Amino acid sequence: VKAKYATKFIECGKDKSGKPLLMNTLLFDAATGEKEKESNGDNAMPIVLAHGYGAGVGFFFRNYDTLASIPGTRLIAIDW
């Protein structure tokens, strides 16, 4: 993958003991061409890739560069 990206664990809830549940996420930002920043103040349209049962974000690796290069978009691949 040649497109610049950042990996983040996003909290998406808590388990019964109160421990946070984290989702592995890859963030690509074609709007700035830079690694994802904490502030999302731009108006980039999100493209979200969510895999099916038994898969992972690695299944989309051949699509990342093309999708991340679409002007005015932010590509988000979630690994749930």
N, C-alpha and C. Protein backbone atom coordinates (compact mmCIF):
# COMPACT_ATOMS: atom_id res chain seq x y z
N VAL A 1 0.85 -1.17 0.00
CA VAL A 1 0.00 0.00 0.00
C VAL A 1 0.90 1.23 0.00
N LYS A 2 0.73 2.07 -1.01
CA LYS A 2 1.54 3.28 -1.12
C LYS A 2 0.86 4.51 -0.52
N ALA A 3 -0.46 4.48 -0.41
CA ALA A 3 -1.21 5.61 0.15
C ALA A 3 -0.86 5.76 1.63
N LYS A 4 -0.79 7.00 2.08
CA LYS A 4 -0.50 7.26 3.48
C LYS A 4 -1.73 6.95 4.33
N TYR A 5 -1.49 6.32 5.47
CA TYR A 5 -2.60 5.95 6.34
C TYR A 5 -2.14 5.93 7.79
N ALA A 6 -3.10 5.89 8.66
CA ALA A 6 -2.83 5.77 10.10
C ALA A 6 -3.69 4.63 10.63
N THR A 7 -3.19 3.95 11.62
CA THR A 7 -3.98 2.92 12.28
C THR A 7 -4.41 3.44 13.64
N LYS A 8 -5.64 3.09 14.01
CA LYS A 8 -6.19 3.54 15.27
C LYS A 8 -7.06 2.45 15.86
N PHE A 9 -7.09 2.37 17.16
CA PHE A 9 -8.06 1.53 17.84
C PHE A 9 -9.15 2.47 18.34
N ILE A 10 -10.35 2.32 17.82
CA ILE A 10 -11.48 3.18 18.16
C ILE A 10 -12.35 2.46 19.19
N GLU A 11 -12.67 3.14 20.29
CA GLU A 11 -13.54 2.54 21.29
C GLU A 11 -14.96 2.49 20.75
N CYS A 12 -15.58 1.30 20.83
CA CYS A 12 -16.94 1.14 20.30
C CYS A 12 -17.89 0.55 21.33
N GLY A 13 -17.55 0.71 22.60
CA GLY A 13 -18.40 0.22 23.68
C GLY A 13 -17.56 -0.34 24.81
N LYS A 14 -18.25 -1.00 25.73
CA LYS A 14 -17.57 -1.62 26.88
C LYS A 14 -18.14 -3.00 27.09
N ASP A 15 -17.31 -3.92 27.61
CA ASP A 15 -17.82 -5.24 27.94
C ASP A 15 -18.48 -5.22 29.31
N LYS A 16 -18.93 -6.37 29.78
CA LYS A 16 -19.67 -6.43 31.05
C LYS A 16 -18.85 -5.96 32.24
N SER A 17 -17.52 -6.11 32.17
CA SER A 17 -16.67 -5.68 33.28
C SER A 17 -16.29 -4.20 33.19
N GLY A 18 -16.71 -3.52 32.12
CA GLY A 18 -16.38 -2.11 31.94
C GLY A 18 -15.14 -1.87 31.11
N LYS A 19 -14.49 -2.95 30.67
CA LYS A 19 -13.29 -2.83 29.82
C LYS A 19 -13.71 -2.35 28.43
N PRO A 20 -12.99 -1.36 27.85
CA PRO A 20 -13.37 -0.85 26.53
C PRO A 20 -13.21 -1.91 25.44
N LEU A 21 -14.16 -1.91 24.51
CA LEU A 21 -14.09 -2.74 23.32
C LEU A 21 -13.50 -1.88 22.21
N LEU A 22 -12.43 -2.36 21.58
CA LEU A 22 -11.72 -1.56 20.59
C LEU A 22 -11.83 -2.17 19.20
N MET A 23 -11.97 -1.31 18.19
CA MET A 23 -12.05 -1.74 16.81
C MET A 23 -10.81 -1.24 16.07
N ASN A 24 -10.06 -2.17 15.45
CA ASN A 24 -8.90 -1.81 14.65
C ASN A 24 -9.40 -1.08 13.40
N THR A 25 -8.80 0.07 13.09
CA THR A 25 -9.26 0.90 11.98
C THR A 25 -8.06 1.44 11.20
N LEU A 26 -8.16 1.42 9.88
CA LEU A 26 -7.18 2.08 9.01
C LEU A 26 -7.84 3.32 8.45
N LEU A 27 -7.15 4.46 8.52
CA LEU A 27 -7.69 5.73 8.08
C LEU A 27 -6.81 6.32 6.98
N PHE A 28 -7.41 6.56 5.83
CA PHE A 28 -6.73 7.18 4.69
C PHE A 28 -7.41 8.52 4.44
N ASP A 29 -6.66 9.55 4.10
CA ASP A 29 -7.26 10.86 3.89
C ASP A 29 -6.79 11.45 2.58
N ALA A 30 -7.60 11.27 1.54
CA ALA A 30 -7.25 11.83 0.23
C ALA A 30 -7.45 13.33 0.18
N ALA A 31 -8.25 13.86 1.10
CA ALA A 31 -8.52 15.30 1.11
C ALA A 31 -7.26 16.08 1.44
N THR A 32 -6.42 15.56 2.33
CA THR A 32 -5.20 16.27 2.70
C THR A 32 -3.95 15.59 2.16
N GLY A 33 -4.05 14.29 1.84
CA GLY A 33 -2.88 13.56 1.39
C GLY A 33 -1.91 13.28 2.52
N GLU A 34 -2.33 13.52 3.74
CA GLU A 34 -1.47 13.30 4.90
C GLU A 34 -2.10 12.26 5.81
N LYS A 35 -1.32 11.81 6.79
CA LYS A 35 -1.87 10.88 7.77
C LYS A 35 -3.03 11.52 8.49
N GLU A 36 -3.96 10.67 8.90
CA GLU A 36 -5.16 11.12 9.61
C GLU A 36 -4.78 11.99 10.80
N LYS A 37 -5.49 13.09 10.96
CA LYS A 37 -5.27 13.98 12.08
C LYS A 37 -6.43 13.85 13.05
N GLU A 38 -6.22 14.27 14.27
CA GLU A 38 -7.28 14.19 15.27
C GLU A 38 -8.48 15.04 14.89
N SER A 39 -8.25 16.21 14.31
CA SER A 39 -9.38 17.08 13.95
C SER A 39 -9.89 16.69 12.57
N ASN A 40 -11.17 16.49 12.45
CA ASN A 40 -11.79 16.12 11.19
C ASN A 40 -12.63 17.28 10.68
N GLY A 41 -12.04 18.45 10.62
CA GLY A 41 -12.77 19.65 10.27
C GLY A 41 -13.09 19.80 8.80
N ASP A 42 -12.54 18.97 7.94
CA ASP A 42 -12.80 19.13 6.51
C ASP A 42 -14.12 18.47 6.14
N ASN A 43 -14.53 18.62 4.91
CA ASN A 43 -15.81 18.09 4.43
C ASN A 43 -15.62 16.87 3.56
N ALA A 44 -14.62 16.06 3.84
CA ALA A 44 -14.36 14.87 3.03
C ALA A 44 -15.50 13.87 3.18
N MET A 45 -15.90 13.29 2.04
CA MET A 45 -16.94 12.27 2.06
C MET A 45 -16.31 10.93 2.46
N PRO A 46 -16.86 10.25 3.48
CA PRO A 46 -16.27 8.98 3.91
C PRO A 46 -16.64 7.82 2.98
N ILE A 47 -15.66 6.98 2.73
CA ILE A 47 -15.88 5.68 2.08
C ILE A 47 -15.50 4.65 3.14
N VAL A 48 -16.44 3.80 3.53
CA VAL A 48 -16.20 2.85 4.61
C VAL A 48 -16.17 1.44 4.04
N LEU A 49 -15.08 0.72 4.34
CA LEU A 49 -14.96 -0.68 3.95
C LEU A 49 -15.14 -1.54 5.20
N ALA A 50 -16.11 -2.42 5.17
CA ALA A 50 -16.36 -3.33 6.29
C ALA A 50 -16.40 -4.75 5.73
N HIS A 51 -15.53 -5.59 6.21
CA HIS A 51 -15.44 -6.96 5.70
C HIS A 51 -16.53 -7.85 6.29
N GLY A 52 -16.72 -9.00 5.68
CA GLY A 52 -17.69 -9.98 6.17
C GLY A 52 -17.08 -10.93 7.19
N TYR A 53 -17.86 -11.87 7.62
CA TYR A 53 -17.46 -12.85 8.63
C TYR A 53 -16.22 -13.62 8.17
N GLY A 54 -15.26 -13.75 9.06
CA GLY A 54 -14.06 -14.54 8.79
C GLY A 54 -13.01 -13.83 7.95
N ALA A 55 -13.18 -12.55 7.70
CA ALA A 55 -12.21 -11.81 6.88
C ALA A 55 -11.53 -10.75 7.74
N GLY A 56 -10.77 -9.86 7.11
CA GLY A 56 -10.07 -8.79 7.81
C GLY A 56 -9.75 -7.66 6.86
N VAL A 57 -9.21 -6.56 7.40
CA VAL A 57 -8.92 -5.40 6.56
C VAL A 57 -7.88 -5.72 5.49
N GLY A 58 -7.08 -6.73 5.70
CA GLY A 58 -6.07 -7.13 4.71
C GLY A 58 -6.66 -7.62 3.40
N PHE A 59 -7.93 -8.04 3.42
CA PHE A 59 -8.57 -8.52 2.20
C PHE A 59 -8.77 -7.39 1.18
N PHE A 60 -8.74 -6.15 1.63
CA PHE A 60 -8.97 -5.00 0.74
C PHE A 60 -7.67 -4.35 0.25
N PHE A 61 -6.50 -4.93 0.58
CA PHE A 61 -5.24 -4.23 0.34
C PHE A 61 -5.04 -3.79 -1.11
N ARG A 62 -5.56 -4.50 -2.05
CA ARG A 62 -5.39 -4.11 -3.47
C ARG A 62 -6.29 -2.93 -3.86
N ASN A 63 -7.25 -2.61 -3.04
CA ASN A 63 -8.18 -1.51 -3.33
C ASN A 63 -7.80 -0.20 -2.66
N TYR A 64 -6.96 -0.25 -1.63
CA TYR A 64 -6.68 0.95 -0.83
C TYR A 64 -6.12 2.11 -1.64
N ASP A 65 -5.09 1.88 -2.44
CA ASP A 65 -4.47 2.98 -3.18
C ASP A 65 -5.45 3.67 -4.12
N THR A 66 -6.24 2.90 -4.84
CA THR A 66 -7.21 3.48 -5.78
C THR A 66 -8.29 4.26 -5.05
N LEU A 67 -8.88 3.65 -4.03
CA LEU A 67 -9.96 4.33 -3.31
C LEU A 67 -9.45 5.54 -2.53
N ALA A 68 -8.24 5.44 -1.97
CA ALA A 68 -7.68 6.54 -1.19
C ALA A 68 -7.30 7.73 -2.06
N SER A 69 -7.16 7.52 -3.37
CA SER A 69 -6.76 8.61 -4.26
C SER A 69 -7.94 9.40 -4.82
N ILE A 70 -9.17 9.02 -4.48
CA ILE A 70 -10.34 9.76 -4.97
C ILE A 70 -10.39 11.11 -4.26
N PRO A 71 -10.32 12.21 -5.01
CA PRO A 71 -10.31 13.54 -4.39
C PRO A 71 -11.54 13.80 -3.53
N GLY A 72 -11.33 14.47 -2.41
CA GLY A 72 -12.42 14.89 -1.54
C GLY A 72 -13.05 13.78 -0.71
N THR A 73 -12.32 12.66 -0.57
CA THR A 73 -12.86 11.55 0.21
C THR A 73 -11.91 11.16 1.33
N ARG A 74 -12.45 10.44 2.28
CA ARG A 74 -11.65 9.83 3.35
C ARG A 74 -12.02 8.35 3.36
N LEU A 75 -11.03 7.48 3.22
CA LEU A 75 -11.25 6.04 3.22
C LEU A 75 -11.04 5.51 4.64
N ILE A 76 -12.02 4.75 5.11
CA ILE A 76 -11.96 4.17 6.45
C ILE A 76 -12.21 2.67 6.31
N ALA A 77 -11.25 1.85 6.72
CA ALA A 77 -11.42 0.39 6.70
C ALA A 77 -11.49 -0.07 8.14
N ILE A 78 -12.62 -0.72 8.48
CA ILE A 78 -12.79 -1.17 9.86
C ILE A 78 -12.62 -2.68 9.94
N ASP A 79 -12.02 -3.13 11.03
CA ASP A 79 -11.77 -4.54 11.28
C ASP A 79 -12.56 -4.93 12.51
N TRP A 80 -13.76 -5.39 12.35
CA TRP A 80 -14.64 -5.65 13.48
C TRP A 80 -14.82 -7.11 13.76
